Amino acid sequence: GTWTQPKGGYFISFYALDGCAKDIVKACKEAGAIL
């Protein structure tokens, strides 16, 4: 994974391995963290 390091604003953008984002978000949700 790679991620941005912003100097302002409200967000960090994370780049997972291709084909993994949906599964990561789903796994987080099932463990109690909403993204």
PDB file of all heavy atoms in Angstrom:
ATOM      1  N   GLY A   1       0.814  -1.198   0.000  1.00  0.00           N
ATOM      2  CA  GLY A   1       0.000   0.000   0.000  1.00  0.00           C
ATOM      3  C   GLY A   1       0.850   1.252   0.000  1.00  0.00           C
ATOM      4  O   GLY A   1       1.980   1.242   0.500  1.00  0.00           O
ATOM      5  N   THR A   2       0.312   2.307  -0.568  1.00  0.00           N
ATOM      6  CA  THR A   2       0.940   3.625  -0.493  1.00  0.00           C
ATOM      7  C   THR A   2      -0.126   4.614  -0.049  1.00  0.00           C
ATOM      8  O   THR A   2      -1.331   4.344  -0.153  1.00  0.00           O
ATOM      9  CB  THR A   2       1.511   4.056  -1.849  1.00  0.00           C
ATOM     10  OG1 THR A   2       0.454   4.087  -2.825  1.00  0.00           O
ATOM     11  CG2 THR A   2       2.602   3.098  -2.315  1.00  0.00           C
ATOM     12  N   TRP A   3       0.312   5.765   0.432  1.00  0.00           N
ATOM     13  CA  TRP A   3      -0.645   6.748   0.929  1.00  0.00           C
ATOM     14  C   TRP A   3      -0.076   8.144   0.787  1.00  0.00           C
ATOM     15  O   TRP A   3       1.143   8.347   0.747  1.00  0.00           O
ATOM     16  CB  TRP A   3      -1.014   6.457   2.383  1.00  0.00           C
ATOM     17  CG  TRP A   3       0.175   6.285   3.288  1.00  0.00           C
ATOM     18  CD1 TRP A   3       0.827   7.256   4.013  1.00  0.00           C
ATOM     19  CD2 TRP A   3       0.889   5.058   3.557  1.00  0.00           C
ATOM     20  NE1 TRP A   3       1.875   6.713   4.710  1.00  0.00           N
ATOM     21  CE2 TRP A   3       1.940   5.371   4.454  1.00  0.00           C
ATOM     22  CE3 TRP A   3       0.728   3.738   3.132  1.00  0.00           C
ATOM     23  CZ2 TRP A   3       2.824   4.408   4.937  1.00  0.00           C
ATOM     24  CZ3 TRP A   3       1.614   2.778   3.600  1.00  0.00           C
ATOM     25  CH2 TRP A   3       2.640   3.109   4.491  1.00  0.00           C
ATOM     26  N   THR A   4      -0.980   9.109   0.696  1.00  0.00           N
ATOM     27  CA  THR A   4      -0.567  10.505   0.581  1.00  0.00           C
ATOM     28  C   THR A   4      -0.265  11.068   1.962  1.00  0.00           C
ATOM     29  O   THR A   4      -0.738  10.555   2.984  1.00  0.00           O
ATOM     30  CB  THR A   4      -1.660  11.349  -0.087  1.00  0.00           C
ATOM     31  OG1 THR A   4      -2.883  11.243   0.673  1.00  0.00           O
ATOM     32  CG2 THR A   4      -1.916  10.855  -1.507  1.00  0.00           C
ATOM     33  N   GLN A   5       0.509  12.144   1.995  1.00  0.00           N
ATOM     34  CA  GLN A   5       0.849  12.840   3.237  1.00  0.00           C
ATOM     35  C   GLN A   5       0.521  14.316   3.060  1.00  0.00           C
ATOM     36  O   GLN A   5       1.401  15.142   2.829  1.00  0.00           O
ATOM     37  CB  GLN A   5       2.316  12.619   3.589  1.00  0.00           C
ATOM     38  CG  GLN A   5       2.657  11.147   3.768  1.00  0.00           C
ATOM     39  CD  GLN A   5       4.037  10.926   4.353  1.00  0.00           C
ATOM     40  OE1 GLN A   5       4.459  11.612   5.288  1.00  0.00           O
ATOM     41  NE2 GLN A   5       4.752   9.954   3.814  1.00  0.00           N
ATOM     42  N   PRO A   6      -0.750  14.651   3.151  1.00  0.00           N
ATOM     43  CA  PRO A   6      -1.202  16.005   2.822  1.00  0.00           C
ATOM     44  C   PRO A   6      -0.736  17.053   3.833  1.00  0.00           C
ATOM     45  O   PRO A   6      -0.498  16.752   4.995  1.00  0.00           O
ATOM     46  CB  PRO A   6      -2.729  15.880   2.852  1.00  0.00           C
ATOM     47  CG  PRO A   6      -2.990  14.738   3.785  1.00  0.00           C
ATOM     48  CD  PRO A   6      -1.861  13.776   3.570  1.00  0.00           C
ATOM     49  N   LYS A   7      -0.626  18.274   3.342  1.00  0.00           N
ATOM     50  CA  LYS A   7      -0.270  19.411   4.190  1.00  0.00           C
ATOM     51  C   LYS A   7      -1.496  20.214   4.606  1.00  0.00           C
ATOM     52  O   LYS A   7      -1.384  21.239   5.277  1.00  0.00           O
ATOM     53  CB  LYS A   7       0.721  20.316   3.460  1.00  0.00           C
ATOM     54  CG  LYS A   7       2.076  19.672   3.226  1.00  0.00           C
ATOM     55  CD  LYS A   7       3.069  20.638   2.601  1.00  0.00           C
ATOM     56  CE  LYS A   7       2.831  20.832   1.140  1.00  0.00           C
ATOM     57  NZ  LYS A   7       3.858  21.709   0.517  1.00  0.00           N
ATOM     58  N   GLY A   8      -2.671  19.740   4.210  1.00  0.00           N
ATOM     59  CA  GLY A   8      -3.900  20.434   4.563  1.00  0.00           C
ATOM     60  C   GLY A   8      -5.104  19.635   4.104  1.00  0.00           C
ATOM     61  O   GLY A   8      -4.982  18.515   3.607  1.00  0.00           O
ATOM     62  N   GLY A   9      -6.284  20.223   4.276  1.00  0.00           N
ATOM     63  CA  GLY A   9      -7.511  19.544   3.890  1.00  0.00           C
ATOM     64  C   GLY A   9      -7.991  18.570   4.949  1.00  0.00           C
ATOM     65  O   GLY A   9      -7.640  18.682   6.128  1.00  0.00           O
ATOM     66  N   TYR A  10      -8.762  17.570   4.515  1.00  0.00           N
ATOM     67  CA  TYR A  10      -9.446  16.691   5.456  1.00  0.00           C
ATOM     68  C   TYR A  10      -9.230  15.200   5.216  1.00  0.00           C
ATOM     69  O   TYR A  10      -9.804  14.379   5.930  1.00  0.00           O
ATOM     70  CB  TYR A  10     -10.955  16.982   5.413  1.00  0.00           C
ATOM     71  CG  TYR A  10     -11.398  17.902   6.537  1.00  0.00           C
ATOM     72  CD1 TYR A  10     -10.975  19.218   6.589  1.00  0.00           C
ATOM     73  CD2 TYR A  10     -12.215  17.442   7.569  1.00  0.00           C
ATOM     74  CE1 TYR A  10     -11.364  20.069   7.612  1.00  0.00           C
ATOM     75  CE2 TYR A  10     -12.608  18.270   8.599  1.00  0.00           C
ATOM     76  CZ  TYR A  10     -12.184  19.583   8.621  1.00  0.00           C
ATOM     77  OH  TYR A  10     -12.561  20.410   9.643  1.00  0.00           O
ATOM     78  N   PHE A  11      -8.374  14.835   4.245  1.00  0.00           N
ATOM     79  CA  PHE A  11      -8.329  13.430   3.876  1.00  0.00           C
ATOM     80  C   PHE A  11      -6.914  12.930   3.606  1.00  0.00           C
ATOM     81  O   PHE A  11      -6.015  13.695   3.272  1.00  0.00           O
ATOM     82  CB  PHE A  11      -9.187  13.178   2.624  1.00  0.00           C
ATOM     83  CG  PHE A  11     -10.607  13.629   2.784  1.00  0.00           C
ATOM     84  CD1 PHE A  11     -11.029  14.842   2.266  1.00  0.00           C
ATOM     85  CD2 PHE A  11     -11.520  12.853   3.485  1.00  0.00           C
ATOM     86  CE1 PHE A  11     -12.336  15.272   2.420  1.00  0.00           C
ATOM     87  CE2 PHE A  11     -12.830  13.270   3.649  1.00  0.00           C
ATOM     88  CZ  PHE A  11     -13.240  14.476   3.120  1.00  0.00           C
ATOM     89  N   ILE A  12      -6.765  11.622   3.748  1.00  0.00           N
ATOM     90  CA  ILE A  12      -5.591  10.885   3.310  1.00  0.00           C
ATOM     91  C   ILE A  12      -6.081   9.875   2.279  1.00  0.00           C
ATOM     92  O   ILE A  12      -7.102   9.218   2.479  1.00  0.00           O
ATOM     93  CB  ILE A  12      -4.914  10.147   4.480  1.00  0.00           C
ATOM     94  CG1 ILE A  12      -4.401  11.151   5.524  1.00  0.00           C
ATOM     95  CG2 ILE A  12      -3.779   9.256   3.990  1.00  0.00           C
ATOM     96  CD1 ILE A  12      -4.003  10.508   6.840  1.00  0.00           C
ATOM     97  N   SER A  13      -5.372   9.765   1.170  1.00  0.00           N
ATOM     98  CA  SER A  13      -5.761   8.827   0.124  1.00  0.00           C
ATOM     99  C   SER A  13      -4.852   7.605   0.202  1.00  0.00           C
ATOM    100  O   SER A  13      -3.628   7.730   0.132  1.00  0.00           O
ATOM    101  CB  SER A  13      -5.640   9.501  -1.248  1.00  0.00           C
ATOM    102  OG  SER A  13      -6.354   8.790  -2.228  1.00  0.00           O
ATOM    103  N   PHE A  14      -5.457   6.432   0.341  1.00  0.00           N
ATOM    104  CA  PHE A  14      -4.707   5.188   0.471  1.00  0.00           C
ATOM    105  C   PHE A  14      -4.897   4.350  -0.779  1.00  0.00           C
ATOM    106  O   PHE A  14      -6.007   4.206  -1.289  1.00  0.00           O
ATOM    107  CB  PHE A  14      -5.188   4.399   1.687  1.00  0.00           C
ATOM    108  CG  PHE A  14      -4.369   3.171   1.973  1.00  0.00           C
ATOM    109  CD1 PHE A  14      -3.260   3.241   2.792  1.00  0.00           C
ATOM    110  CD2 PHE A  14      -4.695   1.945   1.404  1.00  0.00           C
ATOM    111  CE1 PHE A  14      -2.483   2.118   3.051  1.00  0.00           C
ATOM    112  CE2 PHE A  14      -3.921   0.813   1.642  1.00  0.00           C
ATOM    113  CZ  PHE A  14      -2.813   0.904   2.468  1.00  0.00           C
ATOM    114  N   TYR A  15      -3.787   3.780  -1.268  1.00  0.00           N
ATOM    115  CA  TYR A  15      -3.827   2.927  -2.448  1.00  0.00           C
ATOM    116  C   TYR A  15      -3.376   1.527  -2.061  1.00  0.00           C
ATOM    117  O   TYR A  15      -2.206   1.298  -1.764  1.00  0.00           O
ATOM    118  CB  TYR A  15      -2.920   3.480  -3.544  1.00  0.00           C
ATOM    119  CG  TYR A  15      -3.309   4.865  -4.001  1.00  0.00           C
ATOM    120  CD1 TYR A  15      -2.827   5.996  -3.344  1.00  0.00           C
ATOM    121  CD2 TYR A  15      -4.173   5.048  -5.079  1.00  0.00           C
ATOM    122  CE1 TYR A  15      -3.177   7.268  -3.749  1.00  0.00           C
ATOM    123  CE2 TYR A  15      -4.538   6.319  -5.493  1.00  0.00           C
ATOM    124  CZ  TYR A  15      -4.032   7.436  -4.825  1.00  0.00           C
ATOM    125  OH  TYR A  15      -4.396   8.691  -5.225  1.00  0.00           O
ATOM    126  N   ALA A  16      -4.317   0.599  -2.058  1.00  0.00           N
ATOM    127  CA  ALA A  16      -4.016  -0.799  -1.750  1.00  0.00           C
ATOM    128  C   ALA A  16      -3.551  -1.516  -3.014  1.00  0.00           C
ATOM    129  O   ALA A  16      -3.534  -0.943  -4.112  1.00  0.00           O
ATOM    130  CB  ALA A  16      -5.267  -1.485  -1.204  1.00  0.00           C
ATOM    131  N   LEU A  17      -3.174  -2.769  -2.868  1.00  0.00           N
ATOM    132  CA  LEU A  17      -2.901  -3.595  -4.039  1.00  0.00           C
ATOM    133  C   LEU A  17      -4.161  -3.654  -4.910  1.00  0.00           C
ATOM    134  O   LEU A  17      -5.288  -3.648  -4.398  1.00  0.00           O
ATOM    135  CB  LEU A  17      -2.511  -5.013  -3.614  1.00  0.00           C
ATOM    136  CG  LEU A  17      -1.219  -5.179  -2.805  1.00  0.00           C
ATOM    137  CD1 LEU A  17      -1.061  -6.644  -2.394  1.00  0.00           C
ATOM    138  CD2 LEU A  17      -0.007  -4.703  -3.592  1.00  0.00           C
ATOM    139  N   ASP A  18      -3.973  -3.689  -6.203  1.00  0.00           N
ATOM    140  CA  ASP A  18      -5.120  -3.745  -7.111  1.00  0.00           C
ATOM    141  C   ASP A  18      -6.036  -4.914  -6.740  1.00  0.00           C
ATOM    142  O   ASP A  18      -5.568  -6.020  -6.449  1.00  0.00           O
ATOM    143  CB  ASP A  18      -4.643  -3.919  -8.550  1.00  0.00           C
ATOM    144  CG  ASP A  18      -3.966  -2.671  -9.097  1.00  0.00           C
ATOM    145  OD1 ASP A  18      -3.878  -1.681  -8.354  1.00  0.00           O
ATOM    146  OD2 ASP A  18      -3.529  -2.705 -10.264  1.00  0.00           O
ATOM    147  N   GLY A  19      -7.337  -4.623  -6.740  1.00  0.00           N
ATOM    148  CA  GLY A  19      -8.321  -5.657  -6.453  1.00  0.00           C
ATOM    149  C   GLY A  19      -8.609  -5.882  -4.985  1.00  0.00           C
ATOM    150  O   GLY A  19      -9.350  -6.811  -4.642  1.00  0.00           O
ATOM    151  N   CYS A  20      -8.060  -5.021  -4.110  1.00  0.00           N
ATOM    152  CA  CYS A  20      -8.182  -5.267  -2.664  1.00  0.00           C
ATOM    153  C   CYS A  20      -9.046  -4.262  -1.906  1.00  0.00           C
ATOM    154  O   CYS A  20      -9.438  -4.524  -0.764  1.00  0.00           O
ATOM    155  CB  CYS A  20      -6.785  -5.283  -2.024  1.00  0.00           C
ATOM    156  SG  CYS A  20      -5.803  -6.740  -2.444  1.00  0.00           S
ATOM    157  N   ALA A  21      -9.338  -3.110  -2.485  1.00  0.00           N
ATOM    158  CA  ALA A  21      -9.984  -2.039  -1.728  1.00  0.00           C
ATOM    159  C   ALA A  21     -11.341  -2.466  -1.166  1.00  0.00           C
ATOM    160  O   ALA A  21     -11.643  -2.232   0.015  1.00  0.00           O
ATOM    161  CB  ALA A  21     -10.133  -0.794  -2.597  1.00  0.00           C
ATOM    162  N   LYS A  22     -12.182  -3.061  -1.974  1.00  0.00           N
ATOM    163  CA  LYS A  22     -13.518  -3.451  -1.507  1.00  0.00           C
ATOM    164  C   LYS A  22     -13.431  -4.448  -0.354  1.00  0.00           C
ATOM    165  O   LYS A  22     -14.176  -4.346   0.626  1.00  0.00           O
ATOM    166  CB  LYS A  22     -14.332  -4.037  -2.655  1.00  0.00           C
ATOM    167  CG  LYS A  22     -14.776  -3.012  -3.681  1.00  0.00           C
ATOM    168  CD  LYS A  22     -15.614  -3.663  -4.778  1.00  0.00           C
ATOM    169  CE  LYS A  22     -16.066  -2.627  -5.802  1.00  0.00           C
ATOM    170  NZ  LYS A  22     -16.833  -3.241  -6.914  1.00  0.00           N
ATOM    171  N   ASP A  23     -12.510  -5.395  -0.462  1.00  0.00           N
ATOM    172  CA  ASP A  23     -12.382  -6.399   0.590  1.00  0.00           C
ATOM    173  C   ASP A  23     -11.842  -5.783   1.882  1.00  0.00           C
ATOM    174  O   ASP A  23     -12.236  -6.196   2.983  1.00  0.00           O
ATOM    175  CB  ASP A  23     -11.453  -7.527   0.130  1.00  0.00           C
ATOM    176  CG  ASP A  23     -12.100  -8.429  -0.912  1.00  0.00           C
ATOM    177  OD1 ASP A  23     -13.338  -8.427  -0.998  1.00  0.00           O
ATOM    178  OD2 ASP A  23     -11.359  -9.117  -1.643  1.00  0.00           O
ATOM    179  N   ILE A  24     -10.960  -4.798   1.766  1.00  0.00           N
ATOM    180  CA  ILE A  24     -10.437  -4.119   2.960  1.00  0.00           C
ATOM    181  C   ILE A  24     -11.552  -3.361   3.660  1.00  0.00           C
ATOM    182  O   ILE A  24     -11.711  -3.440   4.886  1.00  0.00           O
ATOM    183  CB  ILE A  24      -9.282  -3.176   2.580  1.00  0.00           C
ATOM    184  CG1 ILE A  24      -8.057  -3.978   2.129  1.00  0.00           C
ATOM    185  CG2 ILE A  24      -8.906  -2.266   3.759  1.00  0.00           C
ATOM    186  CD1 ILE A  24      -6.973  -3.141   1.486  1.00  0.00           C
ATOM    187  N   VAL A  25     -12.323  -2.602   2.897  1.00  0.00           N
ATOM    188  CA  VAL A  25     -13.431  -1.830   3.481  1.00  0.00           C
ATOM    189  C   VAL A  25     -14.446  -2.764   4.126  1.00  0.00           C
ATOM    190  O   VAL A  25     -14.961  -2.493   5.222  1.00  0.00           O
ATOM    191  CB  VAL A  25     -14.095  -0.953   2.401  1.00  0.00           C
ATOM    192  CG1 VAL A  25     -15.395  -0.324   2.931  1.00  0.00           C
ATOM    193  CG2 VAL A  25     -13.140   0.135   1.941  1.00  0.00           C
ATOM    194  N   LYS A  26     -14.727  -3.892   3.461  1.00  0.00           N
ATOM    195  CA  LYS A  26     -15.674  -4.869   4.009  1.00  0.00           C
ATOM    196  C   LYS A  26     -15.151  -5.473   5.310  1.00  0.00           C
ATOM    197  O   LYS A  26     -15.901  -5.606   6.293  1.00  0.00           O
ATOM    198  CB  LYS A  26     -15.921  -5.973   2.985  1.00  0.00           C
ATOM    199  CG  LYS A  26     -16.895  -7.052   3.442  1.00  0.00           C
ATOM    200  CD  LYS A  26     -17.066  -8.135   2.381  1.00  0.00           C
ATOM    201  CE  LYS A  26     -18.005  -9.231   2.875  1.00  0.00           C
ATOM    202  NZ  LYS A  26     -18.142 -10.320   1.864  1.00  0.00           N
ATOM    203  N   ALA A  27     -13.875  -5.832   5.330  1.00  0.00           N
ATOM    204  CA  ALA A  27     -13.290  -6.412   6.537  1.00  0.00           C
ATOM    205  C   ALA A  27     -13.315  -5.423   7.698  1.00  0.00           C
ATOM    206  O   ALA A  27     -13.596  -5.795   8.846  1.00  0.00           O
ATOM    207  CB  ALA A  27     -11.856  -6.863   6.257  1.00  0.00           C
ATOM    208  N   CYS A  28     -13.040  -4.148   7.410  1.00  0.00           N
ATOM    209  CA  CYS A  28     -13.098  -3.124   8.458  1.00  0.00           C
ATOM    210  C   CYS A  28     -14.520  -2.999   9.010  1.00  0.00           C
ATOM    211  O   CYS A  28     -14.719  -2.938  10.233  1.00  0.00           O
ATOM    212  CB  CYS A  28     -12.633  -1.776   7.903  1.00  0.00           C
ATOM    213  SG  CYS A  28     -10.850  -1.629   7.664  1.00  0.00           S
ATOM    214  N   LYS A  29     -15.491  -2.975   8.119  1.00  0.00           N
ATOM    215  CA  LYS A  29     -16.881  -2.842   8.542  1.00  0.00           C
ATOM    216  C   LYS A  29     -17.312  -3.993   9.429  1.00  0.00           C
ATOM    217  O   LYS A  29     -17.967  -3.794  10.469  1.00  0.00           O
ATOM    218  CB  LYS A  29     -17.791  -2.740   7.316  1.00  0.00           C
ATOM    219  CG  LYS A  29     -19.251  -2.538   7.655  1.00  0.00           C
ATOM    220  CD  LYS A  29     -20.095  -2.390   6.390  1.00  0.00           C
ATOM    221  CE  LYS A  29     -21.564  -2.169   6.736  1.00  0.00           C
ATOM    222  NZ  LYS A  29     -22.391  -2.030   5.494  1.00  0.00           N
ATOM    223  N   GLU A  30     -16.928  -5.202   9.055  1.00  0.00           N
ATOM    224  CA  GLU A  30     -17.323  -6.376   9.832  1.00  0.00           C
ATOM    225  C   GLU A  30     -16.666  -6.399  11.213  1.00  0.00           C
ATOM    226  O   GLU A  30     -17.188  -7.037  12.136  1.00  0.00           O
ATOM    227  CB  GLU A  30     -16.975  -7.643   9.052  1.00  0.00           C
ATOM    228  CG  GLU A  30     -17.850  -7.834   7.818  1.00  0.00           C
ATOM    229  CD  GLU A  30     -17.457  -9.045   6.997  1.00  0.00           C
ATOM    230  OE1 GLU A  30     -16.422  -9.680   7.328  1.00  0.00           O
ATOM    231  OE2 GLU A  30     -18.168  -9.363   6.023  1.00  0.00           O
ATOM    232  N   ALA A  31     -15.552  -5.676  11.342  1.00  0.00           N
ATOM    233  CA  ALA A  31     -14.874  -5.609  12.642  1.00  0.00           C
ATOM    234  C   ALA A  31     -15.213  -4.336  13.412  1.00  0.00           C
ATOM    235  O   ALA A  31     -14.670  -4.110  14.489  1.00  0.00           O
ATOM    236  CB  ALA A  31     -13.364  -5.713  12.456  1.00  0.00           C
ATOM    237  N   GLY A  32     -16.103  -3.503  12.853  1.00  0.00           N
ATOM    238  CA  GLY A  32     -16.594  -2.360  13.604  1.00  0.00           C
ATOM    239  C   GLY A  32     -16.061  -1.000  13.211  1.00  0.00           C
ATOM    240  O   GLY A  32     -16.244  -0.027  13.947  1.00  0.00           O
ATOM    241  N   ALA A  33     -15.424  -0.870  12.027  1.00  0.00           N
ATOM    242  CA  ALA A  33     -14.924   0.426  11.568  1.00  0.00           C
ATOM    243  C   ALA A  33     -15.508   0.756  10.200  1.00  0.00           C
ATOM    244  O   ALA A  33     -15.296   0.015   9.238  1.00  0.00           O
ATOM    245  CB  ALA A  33     -13.405   0.428  11.506  1.00  0.00           C
ATOM    246  N   ILE A  34     -16.248   1.859  10.100  1.00  0.00           N
ATOM    247  CA  ILE A  34     -16.890   2.258   8.863  1.00  0.00           C
ATOM    248  C   ILE A  34     -15.964   3.197   8.093  1.00  0.00           C
ATOM    249  O   ILE A  34     -15.488   4.202   8.627  1.00  0.00           O
ATOM    250  CB  ILE A  34     -18.228   2.968   9.125  1.00  0.00           C
ATOM    251  CG1 ILE A  34     -19.135   2.075   9.983  1.00  0.00           C
ATOM    252  CG2 ILE A  34     -18.913   3.325   7.810  1.00  0.00           C
ATOM    253  CD1 ILE A  34     -19.477   0.754   9.356  1.00  0.00           C
ATOM    254  N   LEU A  35     -15.717   2.868   6.824  1.00  0.00           N
ATOM    255  CA  LEU A  35     -14.933   3.715   5.934  1.00  0.00           C
ATOM    256  C   LEU A  35     -15.803   4.159   4.766  1.00  0.00           C
ATOM    257  O   LEU A  35     -16.881   3.607   4.535  1.00  0.00           O
ATOM    258  CB  LEU A  35     -13.727   2.941   5.383  1.00  0.00           C
ATOM    259  CG  LEU A  35     -12.741   2.347   6.395  1.00  0.00           C
ATOM    260  CD1 LEU A  35     -11.699   1.518   5.661  1.00  0.00           C
ATOM    261  CD2 LEU A  35     -12.067   3.453   7.196  1.00  0.00           C
TER     262      LEU A  35
END
